[in-house]
Amino acid sequence: MATAEETAAEEGAAGLTATTKPLFAGLADVSISEDIPVEGEITVPVGSHSPDEDYSTLDEPVKDTIMRDLRAVGKKFIHVMYPKKSSALLRDWDLWGPLILCVSLALMLQGGAADSTEDRGPQFAEVFVIIWFGAVVITLNSKLLGGTISFFQSLCVLGYCILPLTVAMVVCRLSFLLLAKLETASFIVRLLVVIAMFGWSTLASTAFLADSQPPNRKALVVYPIFLFYFVISWMILTFTPHT
């Protein structure tokens, strides 16, 4: 009888052990095969981002950064010299090119002085203020008339389109050196060059800005641009080297 009770107790203990076995025993031996579907996306989708987004300039040498910016400025200069309806200046706007052109033009105009006793320093500030203040006024006028481009995009276009007038300034200074004894010929050359570059600057700027204005208000936007480049052209035409 005792033997039977011990046997029953042993069987009960074995059954209890079987029922209290850990639920997750043997999970370590299970491996996920390729046939078992896995919920969720664990792969990077193709074309989700461009390679440029993975490119970081934090570790880029300073030389490469400067050369890349200079190439970008040079491309915008090419767009101005061959004006056409393009969004290149509006899409990748910057103010480095306008700043370079403004400083260069102001430095070249600084050499002219009507009165030799006057300090020539304010002339640089005068040209600098006229260019930037005029560009700001035209930009505000464009925005008030319903223009769709941003403030700095307009400044970028107006500043880069000073390039033809800067070229005219270089030609005018050369004419004073090469035609110093032929005042009439020098004036004719300067007049023709300034008129041509004035038209070039006006047409280039309107080519980039025309589509951003309401159709019935384009004339109100073009007229201030015309006056802006006319004032700069007049300063170049009336330039006389300080002697």
C-alpha atoms as a PDB file:
ATOM      1  CA  MET A   1       0.000   0.000   0.000  1.00  0.00           C
ATOM      2  CA  ALA A   2       2.850   2.356   0.922  1.00  0.00           C
ATOM      3  CA  THR A   3       4.508   1.497  -2.311  1.00  0.00           C
ATOM      4  CA  ALA A   4       1.387   2.413  -4.216  1.00  0.00           C
ATOM      5  CA  GLU A   5       1.117   5.749  -2.410  1.00  0.00           C
ATOM      6  CA  GLU A   6       4.777   6.556  -3.096  1.00  0.00           C
ATOM      7  CA  THR A   7       4.289   5.676  -6.718  1.00  0.00           C
ATOM      8  CA  ALA A   8       1.238   7.948  -6.949  1.00  0.00           C
ATOM      9  CA  ALA A   9       3.160  10.756  -5.236  1.00  0.00           C
ATOM     10  CA  GLU A  10       6.035  10.384  -7.659  1.00  0.00           C
ATOM     11  CA  GLU A  11       3.655  10.448 -10.631  1.00  0.00           C
ATOM     12  CA  GLY A  12       1.960  13.556  -9.225  1.00  0.00           C
ATOM     13  CA  ALA A  13       5.313  15.301  -8.776  1.00  0.00           C
ATOM     14  CA  ALA A  14       6.319  14.390 -12.313  1.00  0.00           C
ATOM     15  CA  GLY A  15       3.037  15.758 -13.633  1.00  0.00           C
ATOM     16  CA  LEU A  16       3.504  18.973 -11.644  1.00  0.00           C
ATOM     17  CA  THR A  17       6.997  19.328 -13.008  1.00  0.00           C
ATOM     18  CA  ALA A  18       5.686  18.899 -16.535  1.00  0.00           C
ATOM     19  CA  THR A  19       2.981  21.499 -16.033  1.00  0.00           C
ATOM     20  CA  THR A  20       5.327  24.030 -14.390  1.00  0.00           C
ATOM     21  CA  LYS A  21       7.882  23.842 -17.196  1.00  0.00           C
ATOM     22  CA  PRO A  22       8.828  27.361 -18.453  1.00  0.00           C
ATOM     23  CA  LEU A  23       6.610  28.513 -21.287  1.00  0.00           C
ATOM     24  CA  PHE A  24       9.528  29.911 -23.344  1.00  0.00           C
ATOM     25  CA  ALA A  25      11.869  26.970 -22.879  1.00  0.00           C
ATOM     26  CA  GLY A  26      13.642  26.102 -26.086  1.00  0.00           C
ATOM     27  CA  LEU A  27      13.025  29.456 -27.734  1.00  0.00           C
ATOM     28  CA  ALA A  28      16.762  29.962 -28.059  1.00  0.00           C
ATOM     29  CA  ASP A  29      16.915  26.978 -30.358  1.00  0.00           C
ATOM     30  CA  VAL A  30      14.332  28.441 -32.738  1.00  0.00           C
ATOM     31  CA  SER A  31      15.744  30.307 -35.746  1.00  0.00           C
ATOM     32  CA  ILE A  32      13.718  32.549 -38.065  1.00  0.00           C
ATOM     33  CA  SER A  33      13.855  31.227 -41.573  1.00  0.00           C
ATOM     34  CA  GLU A  34      13.272  33.162 -44.730  1.00  0.00           C
ATOM     35  CA  ASP A  35       9.887  31.463 -45.147  1.00  0.00           C
ATOM     36  CA  ILE A  36       8.453  33.125 -42.029  1.00  0.00           C
ATOM     37  CA  PRO A  37       6.951  36.550 -42.904  1.00  0.00           C
ATOM     38  CA  VAL A  38       8.220  39.465 -40.823  1.00  0.00           C
ATOM     39  CA  GLU A  39       5.967  42.451 -40.319  1.00  0.00           C
ATOM     40  CA  GLY A  40       7.343  45.940 -41.047  1.00  0.00           C
ATOM     41  CA  GLU A  41       9.860  47.307 -43.538  1.00  0.00           C
ATOM     42  CA  ILE A  42      13.475  46.876 -42.521  1.00  0.00           C
ATOM     43  CA  THR A  43      15.088  47.766 -45.835  1.00  0.00           C
ATOM     44  CA  VAL A  44      15.847  51.268 -47.115  1.00  0.00           C
ATOM     45  CA  PRO A  45      13.517  52.055 -50.035  1.00  0.00           C
ATOM     46  CA  VAL A  46      15.271  52.866 -53.271  1.00  0.00           C
ATOM     47  CA  GLY A  47      14.985  56.503 -54.301  1.00  0.00           C
ATOM     48  CA  SER A  48      13.707  57.715 -50.941  1.00  0.00           C
ATOM     49  CA  HIS A  49      16.408  60.363 -50.808  1.00  0.00           C
ATOM     50  CA  SER A  50      19.035  61.754 -53.081  1.00  0.00           C
ATOM     51  CA  PRO A  51      22.777  61.200 -52.621  1.00  0.00           C
ATOM     52  CA  ASP A  52      23.176  64.910 -51.919  1.00  0.00           C
ATOM     53  CA  GLU A  53      21.251  64.494 -48.674  1.00  0.00           C
ATOM     54  CA  ASP A  54      23.829  62.005 -47.419  1.00  0.00           C
ATOM     55  CA  TYR A  55      26.669  64.351 -48.365  1.00  0.00           C
ATOM     56  CA  SER A  56      27.951  66.368 -45.453  1.00  0.00           C
ATOM     57  CA  THR A  57      30.256  69.365 -45.711  1.00  0.00           C
ATOM     58  CA  LEU A  58      31.338  69.175 -42.074  1.00  0.00           C
ATOM     59  CA  ASP A  59      34.439  67.188 -42.979  1.00  0.00           C
ATOM     60  CA  GLU A  60      34.961  68.925 -46.328  1.00  0.00           C
ATOM     61  CA  PRO A  61      38.218  70.862 -46.787  1.00  0.00           C
ATOM     62  CA  VAL A  62      37.856  74.633 -46.837  1.00  0.00           C
ATOM     63  CA  LYS A  63      39.417  74.753 -50.307  1.00  0.00           C
ATOM     64  CA  ASP A  64      36.706  72.484 -51.734  1.00  0.00           C
ATOM     65  CA  THR A  65      33.961  74.580 -50.133  1.00  0.00           C
ATOM     66  CA  ILE A  66      35.360  77.815 -51.566  1.00  0.00           C
ATOM     67  CA  MET A  67      35.823  76.323 -55.027  1.00  0.00           C
ATOM     68  CA  ARG A  68      32.268  74.948 -55.022  1.00  0.00           C
ATOM     69  CA  ASP A  69      30.850  78.364 -54.092  1.00  0.00           C
ATOM     70  CA  LEU A  70      32.967  80.086 -56.742  1.00  0.00           C
ATOM     71  CA  ARG A  71      31.733  77.665 -59.392  1.00  0.00           C
ATOM     72  CA  ALA A  72      28.145  78.369 -58.352  1.00  0.00           C
ATOM     73  CA  VAL A  73      28.737  82.129 -58.642  1.00  0.00           C
ATOM     74  CA  GLY A  74      30.381  81.653 -62.042  1.00  0.00           C
ATOM     75  CA  LYS A  75      27.388  79.672 -63.325  1.00  0.00           C
ATOM     76  CA  LYS A  76      25.058  82.491 -62.314  1.00  0.00           C
ATOM     77  CA  PHE A  77      27.276  84.988 -64.134  1.00  0.00           C
ATOM     78  CA  ILE A  78      26.889  82.863 -67.258  1.00  0.00           C
ATOM     79  CA  HIS A  79      23.105  82.877 -66.855  1.00  0.00           C
ATOM     80  CA  VAL A  80      23.163  86.692 -66.707  1.00  0.00           C
ATOM     81  CA  MET A  81      25.401  87.065 -69.754  1.00  0.00           C
ATOM     82  CA  TYR A  82      23.095  84.726 -71.696  1.00  0.00           C
ATOM     83  CA  PRO A  83      19.727  85.742 -70.261  1.00  0.00           C
ATOM     84  CA  LYS A  84      16.755  83.490 -70.774  1.00  0.00           C
ATOM     85  CA  LYS A  85      13.712  82.513 -68.797  1.00  0.00           C
ATOM     86  CA  SER A  86      15.268  80.254 -66.206  1.00  0.00           C
ATOM     87  CA  SER A  87      14.793  79.562 -62.509  1.00  0.00           C
ATOM     88  CA  ALA A  88      18.502  78.999 -61.839  1.00  0.00           C
ATOM     89  CA  LEU A  89      19.031  82.329 -60.077  1.00  0.00           C
ATOM     90  CA  LEU A  90      15.782  81.975 -58.177  1.00  0.00           C
ATOM     91  CA  ARG A  91      16.268  78.370 -57.108  1.00  0.00           C
ATOM     92  CA  ASP A  92      19.885  78.576 -55.888  1.00  0.00           C
ATOM     93  CA  TRP A  93      20.009  82.196 -54.794  1.00  0.00           C
ATOM     94  CA  ASP A  94      22.948  83.738 -52.981  1.00  0.00           C
ATOM     95  CA  LEU A  95      24.277  87.235 -52.285  1.00  0.00           C
ATOM     96  CA  TRP A  96      27.994  86.579 -52.832  1.00  0.00           C
ATOM     97  CA  GLY A  97      27.887  87.544 -56.499  1.00  0.00           C
ATOM     98  CA  PRO A  98      25.934  90.784 -55.922  1.00  0.00           C
ATOM     99  CA  LEU A  99      28.305  91.724 -53.103  1.00  0.00           C
ATOM    100  CA  ILE A 100      31.372  91.154 -55.305  1.00  0.00           C
ATOM    101  CA  LEU A 101      29.872  93.186 -58.161  1.00  0.00           C
ATOM    102  CA  CYS A 102      28.745  95.996 -55.883  1.00  0.00           C
ATOM    103  CA  VAL A 103      32.143  96.332 -54.203  1.00  0.00           C
ATOM    104  CA  SER A 104      33.977  96.145 -57.539  1.00  0.00           C
ATOM    105  CA  LEU A 105      31.766  98.791 -59.120  1.00  0.00           C
ATOM    106  CA  ALA A 106      32.044 101.066 -56.076  1.00  0.00           C
ATOM    107  CA  LEU A 107      35.836 100.758 -56.045  1.00  0.00           C
ATOM    108  CA  MET A 108      36.101 101.620 -59.730  1.00  0.00           C
ATOM    109  CA  LEU A 109      33.766 104.606 -59.382  1.00  0.00           C
ATOM    110  CA  GLN A 110      35.700 105.802 -56.353  1.00  0.00           C
ATOM    111  CA  GLY A 111      38.465 107.099 -58.609  1.00  0.00           C
ATOM    112  CA  GLY A 112      36.277 109.843 -60.059  1.00  0.00           C
ATOM    113  CA  ALA A 113      36.027 113.143 -58.201  1.00  0.00           C
ATOM    114  CA  ALA A 114      34.619 116.452 -59.361  1.00  0.00           C
ATOM    115  CA  ASP A 115      36.554 118.326 -56.699  1.00  0.00           C
ATOM    116  CA  SER A 116      40.065 117.174 -55.878  1.00  0.00           C
ATOM    117  CA  THR A 117      39.857 118.721 -52.414  1.00  0.00           C
ATOM    118  CA  GLU A 118      36.975 116.414 -51.427  1.00  0.00           C
ATOM    119  CA  ASP A 119      37.598 113.135 -49.691  1.00  0.00           C
ATOM    120  CA  ARG A 120      36.888 110.267 -52.086  1.00  0.00           C
ATOM    121  CA  GLY A 121      35.810 107.873 -49.331  1.00  0.00           C
ATOM    122  CA  PRO A 122      32.079 108.766 -49.305  1.00  0.00           C
ATOM    123  CA  GLN A 123      31.829 107.941 -53.017  1.00  0.00           C
ATOM    124  CA  PHE A 124      32.284 104.273 -52.226  1.00  0.00           C
ATOM    125  CA  ALA A 125      29.553 104.443 -49.595  1.00  0.00           C
ATOM    126  CA  GLU A 126      27.342 106.389 -51.983  1.00  0.00           C
ATOM    127  CA  VAL A 127      27.525 103.750 -54.717  1.00  0.00           C
ATOM    128  CA  PHE A 128      27.143 100.951 -52.189  1.00  0.00           C
ATOM    129  CA  VAL A 129      24.031 102.498 -50.625  1.00  0.00           C
ATOM    130  CA  ILE A 130      22.437 103.390 -53.974  1.00  0.00           C
ATOM    131  CA  ILE A 131      22.769  99.842 -55.275  1.00  0.00           C
ATOM    132  CA  TRP A 132      21.529  98.023 -52.187  1.00  0.00           C
ATOM    133  CA  PHE A 133      18.862 100.567 -51.245  1.00  0.00           C
ATOM    134  CA  GLY A 134      17.564 100.601 -54.811  1.00  0.00           C
ATOM    135  CA  ALA A 135      17.444  96.795 -54.928  1.00  0.00           C
ATOM    136  CA  VAL A 136      15.544  96.708 -51.626  1.00  0.00           C
ATOM    137  CA  VAL A 137      13.009  99.289 -52.824  1.00  0.00           C
ATOM    138  CA  ILE A 138      12.402  97.376 -56.072  1.00  0.00           C
ATOM    139  CA  THR A 139      11.998  94.146 -54.130  1.00  0.00           C
ATOM    140  CA  LEU A 140       9.468  95.686 -51.746  1.00  0.00           C
ATOM    141  CA  ASN A 141       7.586  97.152 -54.702  1.00  0.00           C
ATOM    142  CA  SER A 142       7.507  93.719 -56.329  1.00  0.00           C
ATOM    143  CA  LYS A 143       6.177  92.079 -53.171  1.00  0.00           C
ATOM    144  CA  LEU A 144       3.504  94.743 -52.691  1.00  0.00           C
ATOM    145  CA  LEU A 145       2.331  94.219 -56.274  1.00  0.00           C
ATOM    146  CA  GLY A 146       1.824  90.511 -55.651  1.00  0.00           C
ATOM    147  CA  GLY A 147       5.163  89.010 -56.648  1.00  0.00           C
ATOM    148  CA  THR A 148       5.604  85.320 -55.905  1.00  0.00           C
ATOM    149  CA  ILE A 149       9.354  85.266 -55.243  1.00  0.00           C
ATOM    150  CA  SER A 150      11.035  85.799 -51.904  1.00  0.00           C
ATOM    151  CA  PHE A 151      12.827  88.927 -50.767  1.00  0.00           C
ATOM    152  CA  PHE A 152      16.340  87.500 -51.136  1.00  0.00           C
ATOM    153  CA  GLN A 153      15.595  85.877 -54.491  1.00  0.00           C
ATOM    154  CA  SER A 154      14.754  89.293 -55.912  1.00  0.00           C
ATOM    155  CA  LEU A 155      17.901  90.827 -54.403  1.00  0.00           C
ATOM    156  CA  CYS A 156      19.945  88.006 -55.929  1.00  0.00           C
ATOM    157  CA  VAL A 157      18.586  88.608 -59.442  1.00  0.00           C
ATOM    158  CA  LEU A 158      18.924  92.400 -59.283  1.00  0.00           C
ATOM    159  CA  GLY A 159      22.453  92.129 -57.905  1.00  0.00           C
ATOM    160  CA  TYR A 160      23.704  89.583 -60.432  1.00  0.00           C
ATOM    161  CA  CYS A 161      22.257  91.605 -63.322  1.00  0.00           C
ATOM    162  CA  ILE A 162      24.669  94.440 -62.473  1.00  0.00           C
ATOM    163  CA  LEU A 163      27.355  92.336 -64.171  1.00  0.00           C
ATOM    164  CA  PRO A 164      26.924  93.932 -67.653  1.00  0.00           C
ATOM    165  CA  LEU A 165      27.208  97.413 -66.128  1.00  0.00           C
ATOM    166  CA  THR A 166      30.344  96.349 -64.270  1.00  0.00           C
ATOM    167  CA  VAL A 167      31.801  95.259 -67.607  1.00  0.00           C
ATOM    168  CA  ALA A 168      30.815  98.660 -69.014  1.00  0.00           C
ATOM    169  CA  MET A 169      32.685 100.340 -66.158  1.00  0.00           C
ATOM    170  CA  VAL A 170      35.832  98.377 -67.020  1.00  0.00           C
ATOM    171  CA  VAL A 171      35.549  99.402 -70.682  1.00  0.00           C
ATOM    172  CA  CYS A 172      35.053 103.046 -69.719  1.00  0.00           C
ATOM    173  CA  ARG A 173      38.180 103.064 -67.586  1.00  0.00           C
ATOM    174  CA  LEU A 174      40.150 101.480 -70.418  1.00  0.00           C
ATOM    175  CA  SER A 175      38.827 104.066 -72.858  1.00  0.00           C
ATOM    176  CA  PHE A 176      40.249 106.831 -70.681  1.00  0.00           C
ATOM    177  CA  LEU A 177      43.654 105.171 -70.861  1.00  0.00           C
ATOM    178  CA  LEU A 178      43.658 104.232 -74.551  1.00  0.00           C
ATOM    179  CA  LEU A 179      41.828 107.298 -75.899  1.00  0.00           C
ATOM    180  CA  ALA A 180      43.084 109.914 -73.500  1.00  0.00           C
ATOM    181  CA  LYS A 181      43.823 112.411 -76.284  1.00  0.00           C
ATOM    182  CA  LEU A 182      40.627 111.718 -78.217  1.00  0.00           C
ATOM    183  CA  GLU A 183      37.904 112.943 -75.909  1.00  0.00           C
ATOM    184  CA  THR A 184      35.127 112.775 -78.494  1.00  0.00           C
ATOM    185  CA  ALA A 185      35.985 109.231 -79.536  1.00  0.00           C
ATOM    186  CA  SER A 186      36.279 108.193 -75.908  1.00  0.00           C
ATOM    187  CA  PHE A 187      32.842 109.607 -75.095  1.00  0.00           C
ATOM    188  CA  ILE A 188      31.230 107.892 -78.097  1.00  0.00           C
ATOM    189  CA  VAL A 189      32.732 104.553 -77.100  1.00  0.00           C
ATOM    190  CA  ARG A 190      31.575 104.958 -73.510  1.00  0.00           C
ATOM    191  CA  LEU A 191      28.101 106.046 -74.581  1.00  0.00           C
ATOM    192  CA  LEU A 192      27.576 103.068 -76.872  1.00  0.00           C
ATOM    193  CA  VAL A 193      28.927 100.578 -74.343  1.00  0.00           C
ATOM    194  CA  VAL A 194      26.874 101.965 -71.460  1.00  0.00           C
ATOM    195  CA  ILE A 195      23.656 101.998 -73.527  1.00  0.00           C
ATOM    196  CA  ALA A 196      24.220  98.404 -74.647  1.00  0.00           C
ATOM    197  CA  MET A 197      25.003  97.148 -71.135  1.00  0.00           C
ATOM    198  CA  PHE A 198      22.108  99.110 -69.660  1.00  0.00           C
ATOM    199  CA  GLY A 199      19.737  97.328 -72.030  1.00  0.00           C
ATOM    200  CA  TRP A 200      21.408  94.003 -71.260  1.00  0.00           C
ATOM    201  CA  SER A 201      20.982  94.423 -67.493  1.00  0.00           C
ATOM    202  CA  THR A 202      17.355  95.487 -67.844  1.00  0.00           C
ATOM    203  CA  LEU A 203      16.435  92.644 -70.185  1.00  0.00           C
ATOM    204  CA  ALA A 204      18.274  90.059 -68.071  1.00  0.00           C
ATOM    205  CA  SER A 205      16.557  91.094 -64.847  1.00  0.00           C
ATOM    206  CA  THR A 206      13.102  91.206 -66.424  1.00  0.00           C
ATOM    207  CA  ALA A 207      13.668  87.783 -67.998  1.00  0.00           C
ATOM    208  CA  PHE A 208      14.152  86.293 -64.543  1.00  0.00           C
ATOM    209  CA  LEU A 209      11.526  88.340 -62.695  1.00  0.00           C
ATOM    210  CA  ALA A 210       8.740  88.723 -65.267  1.00  0.00           C
ATOM    211  CA  ASP A 211       7.056  85.371 -64.645  1.00  0.00           C
ATOM    212  CA  SER A 212       6.861  85.994 -60.899  1.00  0.00           C
ATOM    213  CA  GLN A 213       4.597  89.039 -61.304  1.00  0.00           C
ATOM    214  CA  PRO A 214       0.868  89.291 -62.071  1.00  0.00           C
ATOM    215  CA  PRO A 215       0.325  89.759 -65.824  1.00  0.00           C
ATOM    216  CA  ASN A 216      -1.524  93.047 -65.393  1.00  0.00           C
ATOM    217  CA  ARG A 217       1.176  94.584 -63.183  1.00  0.00           C
ATOM    218  CA  LYS A 218       4.390  93.737 -64.996  1.00  0.00           C
ATOM    219  CA  ALA A 219       4.819  97.303 -66.247  1.00  0.00           C
ATOM    220  CA  LEU A 220       4.692  98.611 -62.681  1.00  0.00           C
ATOM    221  CA  VAL A 221       7.521  96.245 -61.773  1.00  0.00           C
ATOM    222  CA  VAL A 222       9.673  96.844 -64.847  1.00  0.00           C
ATOM    223  CA  TYR A 223       9.572 100.643 -64.558  1.00  0.00           C
ATOM    224  CA  PRO A 224      11.479 100.810 -61.197  1.00  0.00           C
ATOM    225  CA  ILE A 225      13.995  98.287 -62.539  1.00  0.00           C
ATOM    226  CA  PHE A 226      14.517 100.554 -65.555  1.00  0.00           C
ATOM    227  CA  LEU A 227      15.185 103.542 -63.276  1.00  0.00           C
ATOM    228  CA  PHE A 228      17.489 101.501 -61.039  1.00  0.00           C
ATOM    229  CA  TYR A 229      19.841 100.478 -63.836  1.00  0.00           C
ATOM    230  CA  PHE A 230      19.515 103.896 -65.484  1.00  0.00           C
ATOM    231  CA  VAL A 231      20.911 105.615 -62.367  1.00  0.00           C
ATOM    232  CA  ILE A 232      23.854 103.197 -62.242  1.00  0.00           C
ATOM    233  CA  SER A 233      24.443 103.662 -65.978  1.00  0.00           C
ATOM    234  CA  TRP A 234      24.430 107.437 -65.593  1.00  0.00           C
ATOM    235  CA  MET A 235      27.022 107.215 -62.823  1.00  0.00           C
ATOM    236  CA  ILE A 236      29.228 105.127 -65.111  1.00  0.00           C
ATOM    237  CA  LEU A 237      28.769 107.392 -68.126  1.00  0.00           C
ATOM    238  CA  THR A 238      29.572 110.571 -66.208  1.00  0.00           C
ATOM    239  CA  PHE A 239      32.573 108.995 -64.519  1.00  0.00           C
ATOM    240  CA  THR A 240      35.761 111.022 -64.837  1.00  0.00           C
ATOM    241  CA  PRO A 241      39.081 109.752 -63.449  1.00  0.00           C
ATOM    242  CA  HIS A 242      40.528 111.832 -60.654  1.00  0.00           C
ATOM    243  CA  THR A 243      43.673 113.586 -61.793  1.00  0.00           C
END
